[in-house]
């Protein structure tokens, strides 16, 4: 049965979010219900909420989350109820042209969650599934490819940072720059992404990191 949960809803760009009671649909085929235990705030959420990327309101933002799997829809194989997981905005089918080429983040498949948000308000009107996640909420529903199970000893606040800041910073070094071992790296700015770029450079074998 659909659940009523609390979520921070963006009703107008540039205005404060409002905590509201909303309805979250059950997970469909290939989808997973997660109880959110921690959610970081990414600059992308702020830019979106301020109207920098356009789009349609109302919506529930938040895409850098960690929590516990509460239920799974038919066909879910990657996780099971009770698993601690990291939740990310990257949704991929694994079989399209881009996924087959190792570029899952460019997946061109249209999922059910792309067509219909699992969130509705008290009147039954749809609320946008912001950044494909809607994690500024007590619970969320996402496609199973958006989840990675993590060790039970990792604090949820730390695990949530892996969903965006860590993969962005490390990926900038290993995937975008393709920095070879023995190279020198310069990182300008050491916020969440910058610190992970430093870590990525260290992992990649940088001779020096400035």
C-alpha atoms as a PDB file:
ATOM      1  CA  UNK A   1       0.000   0.000   0.000  1.00  0.00           C
ATOM      2  CA  UNK A   2       1.219   3.565  -0.678  1.00  0.00           C
ATOM      3  CA  UNK A   3       2.680   5.259   2.400  1.00  0.00           C
ATOM      4  CA  UNK A   4       2.361   8.741   3.813  1.00  0.00           C
ATOM      5  CA  UNK A   5       5.747  10.250   4.627  1.00  0.00           C
ATOM      6  CA  UNK A   6       7.232  13.632   5.414  1.00  0.00           C
ATOM      7  CA  UNK A   7       9.317  15.335   2.751  1.00  0.00           C
ATOM      8  CA  UNK A   8      10.881  18.738   2.101  1.00  0.00           C
ATOM      9  CA  UNK A   9       8.971  20.014  -0.930  1.00  0.00           C
ATOM     10  CA  UNK A  10      10.201  22.777  -3.243  1.00  0.00           C
ATOM     11  CA  UNK A  11       7.012  24.620  -4.220  1.00  0.00           C
ATOM     12  CA  UNK A  12       8.610  27.670  -5.850  1.00  0.00           C
ATOM     13  CA  UNK A  13      12.127  28.351  -7.106  1.00  0.00           C
ATOM     14  CA  UNK A  14      14.170  30.552  -4.804  1.00  0.00           C
ATOM     15  CA  UNK A  15      11.817  29.995  -1.869  1.00  0.00           C
ATOM     16  CA  UNK A  16      12.365  27.884   1.276  1.00  0.00           C
ATOM     17  CA  UNK A  17      11.358  24.237   1.069  1.00  0.00           C
ATOM     18  CA  UNK A  18       8.312  23.213   3.099  1.00  0.00           C
ATOM     19  CA  UNK A  19       8.075  20.006   5.099  1.00  0.00           C
ATOM     20  CA  UNK A  20       4.822  18.378   4.023  1.00  0.00           C
ATOM     21  CA  UNK A  21       3.045  15.069   4.351  1.00  0.00           C
ATOM     22  CA  UNK A  22       3.074  13.391   0.949  1.00  0.00           C
ATOM     23  CA  UNK A  23       2.206   9.990  -0.472  1.00  0.00           C
ATOM     24  CA  UNK A  24       4.892   7.603  -1.731  1.00  0.00           C
ATOM     25  CA  UNK A  25       3.867   4.821  -4.111  1.00  0.00           C
ATOM     26  CA  UNK A  26       4.890   1.200  -3.628  1.00  0.00           C
ATOM     27  CA  UNK A  27       7.971   0.059  -5.552  1.00  0.00           C
ATOM     28  CA  UNK A  28       7.103  -1.324  -8.988  1.00  0.00           C
ATOM     29  CA  UNK A  29       9.039  -3.900 -11.046  1.00  0.00           C
ATOM     30  CA  UNK A  30      12.754  -3.378 -10.613  1.00  0.00           C
ATOM     31  CA  UNK A  31      12.205  -0.682  -7.980  1.00  0.00           C
ATOM     32  CA  UNK A  32      13.174  -0.443  -4.310  1.00  0.00           C
ATOM     33  CA  UNK A  33      11.755   1.333  -1.253  1.00  0.00           C
ATOM     34  CA  UNK A  34      14.456   2.756   1.018  1.00  0.00           C
ATOM     35  CA  UNK A  35      14.099   4.251   4.497  1.00  0.00           C
ATOM     36  CA  UNK A  36      16.417   7.280   4.398  1.00  0.00           C
ATOM     37  CA  UNK A  37      18.861   7.504   7.299  1.00  0.00           C
ATOM     38  CA  UNK A  38      21.089  10.317   6.014  1.00  0.00           C
ATOM     39  CA  UNK A  39      21.102  12.712   3.075  1.00  0.00           C
ATOM     40  CA  UNK A  40      23.837  15.210   2.252  1.00  0.00           C
ATOM     41  CA  UNK A  41      23.078  18.528   0.575  1.00  0.00           C
ATOM     42  CA  UNK A  42      24.786  18.889  -2.802  1.00  0.00           C
ATOM     43  CA  UNK A  43      25.324  22.193  -4.601  1.00  0.00           C
ATOM     44  CA  UNK A  44      23.252  20.711  -7.430  1.00  0.00           C
ATOM     45  CA  UNK A  45      20.245  20.575  -5.089  1.00  0.00           C
ATOM     46  CA  UNK A  46      20.741  24.234  -4.208  1.00  0.00           C
ATOM     47  CA  UNK A  47      21.128  25.275  -7.861  1.00  0.00           C
ATOM     48  CA  UNK A  48      17.999  23.344  -8.809  1.00  0.00           C
ATOM     49  CA  UNK A  49      15.972  24.792  -5.905  1.00  0.00           C
ATOM     50  CA  UNK A  50      17.041  28.312  -6.883  1.00  0.00           C
ATOM     51  CA  UNK A  51      15.785  27.770 -10.442  1.00  0.00           C
ATOM     52  CA  UNK A  52      19.214  27.584 -12.078  1.00  0.00           C
ATOM     53  CA  UNK A  53      18.274  24.531 -14.138  1.00  0.00           C
ATOM     54  CA  UNK A  54      14.621  25.289 -14.793  1.00  0.00           C
ATOM     55  CA  UNK A  55      12.261  22.360 -14.536  1.00  0.00           C
ATOM     56  CA  UNK A  56       8.836  22.072 -12.979  1.00  0.00           C
ATOM     57  CA  UNK A  57       7.770  22.499  -9.366  1.00  0.00           C
ATOM     58  CA  UNK A  58       6.659  21.167  -6.970  1.00  0.00           C
ATOM     59  CA  UNK A  59       9.415  18.628  -6.468  1.00  0.00           C
ATOM     60  CA  UNK A  60      11.329  16.817  -3.748  1.00  0.00           C
ATOM     61  CA  UNK A  61      15.071  17.217  -4.233  1.00  0.00           C
ATOM     62  CA  UNK A  62      17.956  15.365  -2.573  1.00  0.00           C
ATOM     63  CA  UNK A  63      20.106  12.773  -4.315  1.00  0.00           C
ATOM     64  CA  UNK A  64      23.043  12.034  -1.995  1.00  0.00           C
ATOM     65  CA  UNK A  65      21.520   9.547   0.423  1.00  0.00           C
ATOM     66  CA  UNK A  66      22.032   6.376   2.415  1.00  0.00           C
ATOM     67  CA  UNK A  67      19.506   4.194   4.185  1.00  0.00           C
ATOM     68  CA  UNK A  68      18.043   0.732   4.647  1.00  0.00           C
ATOM     69  CA  UNK A  69      16.093  -1.247   2.060  1.00  0.00           C
ATOM     70  CA  UNK A  70      12.539  -1.649   3.333  1.00  0.00           C
ATOM     71  CA  UNK A  71      10.852  -3.417   0.412  1.00  0.00           C
ATOM     72  CA  UNK A  72      11.546  -4.468  -3.172  1.00  0.00           C
ATOM     73  CA  UNK A  73       9.380  -4.722  -6.258  1.00  0.00           C
ATOM     74  CA  UNK A  74       9.197  -7.733  -8.598  1.00  0.00           C
ATOM     75  CA  UNK A  75      12.431  -8.658 -10.306  1.00  0.00           C
ATOM     76  CA  UNK A  76      14.835  -6.888  -7.952  1.00  0.00           C
ATOM     77  CA  UNK A  77      18.048  -8.887  -7.650  1.00  0.00           C
ATOM     78  CA  UNK A  78      20.698  -6.415  -6.474  1.00  0.00           C
ATOM     79  CA  UNK A  79      19.497  -5.791  -2.919  1.00  0.00           C
ATOM     80  CA  UNK A  80      17.115  -7.240  -0.336  1.00  0.00           C
ATOM     81  CA  UNK A  81      15.144  -5.863   2.624  1.00  0.00           C
ATOM     82  CA  UNK A  82      17.433  -4.969   5.499  1.00  0.00           C
ATOM     83  CA  UNK A  83      20.445  -4.104   3.340  1.00  0.00           C
ATOM     84  CA  UNK A  84      22.193  -0.799   4.143  1.00  0.00           C
ATOM     85  CA  UNK A  85      22.609   1.029   0.836  1.00  0.00           C
ATOM     86  CA  UNK A  86      23.960   4.150  -0.841  1.00  0.00           C
ATOM     87  CA  UNK A  87      21.399   5.831  -3.122  1.00  0.00           C
ATOM     88  CA  UNK A  88      22.548   7.814  -6.161  1.00  0.00           C
ATOM     89  CA  UNK A  89      20.888   9.654  -9.045  1.00  0.00           C
ATOM     90  CA  UNK A  90      22.607   7.507 -11.695  1.00  0.00           C
ATOM     91  CA  UNK A  91      20.000   5.201 -13.218  1.00  0.00           C
ATOM     92  CA  UNK A  92      21.060   2.703 -15.889  1.00  0.00           C
ATOM     93  CA  UNK A  93      19.666  -0.281 -17.758  1.00  0.00           C
ATOM     94  CA  UNK A  94      22.981  -2.039 -18.372  1.00  0.00           C
ATOM     95  CA  UNK A  95      22.128  -2.920 -21.966  1.00  0.00           C
ATOM     96  CA  UNK A  96      21.715   0.217 -24.106  1.00  0.00           C
ATOM     97  CA  UNK A  97      24.437   1.621 -26.391  1.00  0.00           C
ATOM     98  CA  UNK A  98      25.947   3.799 -23.670  1.00  0.00           C
ATOM     99  CA  UNK A  99      25.747   1.215 -20.892  1.00  0.00           C
ATOM    100  CA  UNK A 100      27.343  -1.428 -23.123  1.00  0.00           C
ATOM    101  CA  UNK A 101      30.204   0.999 -23.755  1.00  0.00           C
ATOM    102  CA  UNK A 102      30.828   1.562 -20.047  1.00  0.00           C
ATOM    103  CA  UNK A 103      29.098   4.950 -19.873  1.00  0.00           C
ATOM    104  CA  UNK A 104      26.217   4.045 -17.560  1.00  0.00           C
ATOM    105  CA  UNK A 105      25.721   7.688 -16.554  1.00  0.00           C
ATOM    106  CA  UNK A 106      24.581   8.434 -20.134  1.00  0.00           C
ATOM    107  CA  UNK A 107      21.970   5.633 -20.193  1.00  0.00           C
ATOM    108  CA  UNK A 108      19.212   6.503 -22.674  1.00  0.00           C
ATOM    109  CA  UNK A 109      16.587   4.037 -21.441  1.00  0.00           C
ATOM    110  CA  UNK A 110      13.260   5.490 -20.287  1.00  0.00           C
ATOM    111  CA  UNK A 111      12.181   3.925 -16.987  1.00  0.00           C
ATOM    112  CA  UNK A 112       8.714   3.933 -15.437  1.00  0.00           C
ATOM    113  CA  UNK A 113      10.017   6.330 -12.793  1.00  0.00           C
ATOM    114  CA  UNK A 114      11.041   8.729 -15.581  1.00  0.00           C
ATOM    115  CA  UNK A 115       7.447   8.799 -16.795  1.00  0.00           C
ATOM    116  CA  UNK A 116       5.579   8.886 -13.476  1.00  0.00           C
ATOM    117  CA  UNK A 117       6.825  10.202 -10.151  1.00  0.00           C
ATOM    118  CA  UNK A 118       6.135   7.979  -7.133  1.00  0.00           C
ATOM    119  CA  UNK A 119       5.255  11.114  -5.122  1.00  0.00           C
ATOM    120  CA  UNK A 120       1.882  12.866  -4.826  1.00  0.00           C
ATOM    121  CA  UNK A 121       0.565  15.530  -2.477  1.00  0.00           C
ATOM    122  CA  UNK A 122      -2.549  15.560  -0.290  1.00  0.00           C
ATOM    123  CA  UNK A 123      -4.780  16.381  -3.263  1.00  0.00           C
ATOM    124  CA  UNK A 124      -3.370  13.564  -5.398  1.00  0.00           C
ATOM    125  CA  UNK A 125      -1.384  15.965  -7.602  1.00  0.00           C
ATOM    126  CA  UNK A 126       2.060  14.716  -8.658  1.00  0.00           C
ATOM    127  CA  UNK A 127       5.237  15.975  -7.013  1.00  0.00           C
ATOM    128  CA  UNK A 128       8.426  15.797  -9.050  1.00  0.00           C
ATOM    129  CA  UNK A 129      10.983  13.096  -8.284  1.00  0.00           C
ATOM    130  CA  UNK A 130      13.850  15.591  -8.082  1.00  0.00           C
ATOM    131  CA  UNK A 131      17.149  14.422  -9.589  1.00  0.00           C
ATOM    132  CA  UNK A 132      15.565  10.980 -10.030  1.00  0.00           C
ATOM    133  CA  UNK A 133      15.771  10.379  -6.276  1.00  0.00           C
ATOM    134  CA  UNK A 134      13.657  12.618  -4.020  1.00  0.00           C
ATOM    135  CA  UNK A 135      15.838  11.950  -0.986  1.00  0.00           C
ATOM    136  CA  UNK A 136      14.883  14.954   1.159  1.00  0.00           C
ATOM    137  CA  UNK A 137      12.246  12.667   2.658  1.00  0.00           C
ATOM    138  CA  UNK A 138      11.755   9.945   5.227  1.00  0.00           C
ATOM    139  CA  UNK A 139      11.600   7.309   2.483  1.00  0.00           C
ATOM    140  CA  UNK A 140      12.165   7.098  -1.270  1.00  0.00           C
ATOM    141  CA  UNK A 141      11.570   4.794  -4.225  1.00  0.00           C
ATOM    142  CA  UNK A 142      14.258   4.360  -6.878  1.00  0.00           C
ATOM    143  CA  UNK A 143      15.261   1.916  -9.622  1.00  0.00           C
ATOM    144  CA  UNK A 144      17.526  -0.863  -8.350  1.00  0.00           C
ATOM    145  CA  UNK A 145      20.482   0.313 -10.453  1.00  0.00           C
ATOM    146  CA  UNK A 146      20.613   3.421  -8.241  1.00  0.00           C
ATOM    147  CA  UNK A 147      21.590   1.399  -5.182  1.00  0.00           C
ATOM    148  CA  UNK A 148      24.817  -0.109  -3.895  1.00  0.00           C
ATOM    149  CA  UNK A 149      24.867  -2.221  -0.734  1.00  0.00           C
ATOM    150  CA  UNK A 150      27.514  -1.140   1.785  1.00  0.00           C
ATOM    151  CA  UNK A 151      29.047  -2.625   4.894  1.00  0.00           C
ATOM    152  CA  UNK A 152      26.874  -2.409   7.951  1.00  0.00           C
ATOM    153  CA  UNK A 153      29.610  -0.710   9.994  1.00  0.00           C
ATOM    154  CA  UNK A 154      29.796   2.404   7.814  1.00  0.00           C
ATOM    155  CA  UNK A 155      27.953   5.376   9.372  1.00  0.00           C
ATOM    156  CA  UNK A 156      25.050   6.453   7.184  1.00  0.00           C
ATOM    157  CA  UNK A 157      26.194  10.086   7.224  1.00  0.00           C
ATOM    158  CA  UNK A 158      29.531   9.001   5.743  1.00  0.00           C
ATOM    159  CA  UNK A 159      27.948   6.562   3.304  1.00  0.00           C
ATOM    160  CA  UNK A 160      25.664   9.245   1.895  1.00  0.00           C
ATOM    161  CA  UNK A 161      28.696  11.246   0.722  1.00  0.00           C
ATOM    162  CA  UNK A 162      29.682   8.366  -1.561  1.00  0.00           C
ATOM    163  CA  UNK A 163      26.532   8.939  -3.631  1.00  0.00           C
ATOM    164  CA  UNK A 164      27.733  12.130  -5.322  1.00  0.00           C
ATOM    165  CA  UNK A 165      30.701  14.028  -3.883  1.00  0.00           C
ATOM    166  CA  UNK A 166      33.003  11.010  -3.741  1.00  0.00           C
ATOM    167  CA  UNK A 167      32.202   9.601  -7.179  1.00  0.00           C
ATOM    168  CA  UNK A 168      32.347  13.089  -8.732  1.00  0.00           C
ATOM    169  CA  UNK A 169      35.750  13.938  -7.263  1.00  0.00           C
ATOM    170  CA  UNK A 170      37.378  10.560  -7.789  1.00  0.00           C
ATOM    171  CA  UNK A 171      35.730  10.237 -11.210  1.00  0.00           C
ATOM    172  CA  UNK A 172      37.126  13.619 -12.279  1.00  0.00           C
ATOM    173  CA  UNK A 173      40.615  12.185 -11.800  1.00  0.00           C
ATOM    174  CA  UNK A 174      40.195   8.620 -12.997  1.00  0.00           C
ATOM    175  CA  UNK A 175      37.522   8.968 -15.709  1.00  0.00           C
ATOM    176  CA  UNK A 176      37.612  12.561 -16.971  1.00  0.00           C
ATOM    177  CA  UNK A 177      41.292  13.493 -16.624  1.00  0.00           C
ATOM    178  CA  UNK A 178      42.419   9.847 -16.862  1.00  0.00           C
ATOM    179  CA  UNK A 179      45.445  10.799 -14.808  1.00  0.00           C
ATOM    180  CA  UNK A 180      48.281   8.274 -15.211  1.00  0.00           C
ATOM    181  CA  UNK A 181      50.309   7.027 -12.265  1.00  0.00           C
ATOM    182  CA  UNK A 182      53.335   9.224 -11.602  1.00  0.00           C
ATOM    183  CA  UNK A 183      51.661  12.419 -12.810  1.00  0.00           C
ATOM    184  CA  UNK A 184      51.429  15.609 -10.758  1.00  0.00           C
ATOM    185  CA  UNK A 185      47.937  16.769  -9.791  1.00  0.00           C
ATOM    186  CA  UNK A 186      46.692  20.255  -8.950  1.00  0.00           C
ATOM    187  CA  UNK A 187      43.344  20.489  -7.144  1.00  0.00           C
ATOM    188  CA  UNK A 188      41.828  23.967  -6.884  1.00  0.00           C
ATOM    189  CA  UNK A 189      39.368  24.145  -3.996  1.00  0.00           C
ATOM    190  CA  UNK A 190      38.954  21.463  -1.333  1.00  0.00           C
ATOM    191  CA  UNK A 191      35.251  21.244  -0.662  1.00  0.00           C
ATOM    192  CA  UNK A 192      33.444  17.918  -0.822  1.00  0.00           C
ATOM    193  CA  UNK A 193      34.343  17.279  -4.471  1.00  0.00           C
ATOM    194  CA  UNK A 194      37.855  18.701  -4.188  1.00  0.00           C
ATOM    195  CA  UNK A 195      38.763  16.532  -1.206  1.00  0.00           C
ATOM    196  CA  UNK A 196      37.654  13.487  -3.145  1.00  0.00           C
ATOM    197  CA  UNK A 197      39.710  14.621  -6.137  1.00  0.00           C
ATOM    198  CA  UNK A 198      42.699  14.642  -3.770  1.00  0.00           C
ATOM    199  CA  UNK A 199      41.826  11.120  -2.685  1.00  0.00           C
ATOM    200  CA  UNK A 200      41.350  10.069  -6.308  1.00  0.00           C
ATOM    201  CA  UNK A 201      44.777  11.426  -7.224  1.00  0.00           C
ATOM    202  CA  UNK A 202      46.351   9.555  -4.320  1.00  0.00           C
ATOM    203  CA  UNK A 203      44.606   6.322  -5.309  1.00  0.00           C
ATOM    204  CA  UNK A 204      45.694   6.810  -8.938  1.00  0.00           C
ATOM    205  CA  UNK A 205      49.342   7.097  -7.864  1.00  0.00           C
ATOM    206  CA  UNK A 206      50.073  10.807  -8.266  1.00  0.00           C
ATOM    207  CA  UNK A 207      53.704  11.775  -7.751  1.00  0.00           C
ATOM    208  CA  UNK A 208      52.634  14.988  -6.051  1.00  0.00           C
ATOM    209  CA  UNK A 209      49.303  16.611  -5.233  1.00  0.00           C
ATOM    210  CA  UNK A 210      49.160  20.380  -4.999  1.00  0.00           C
END
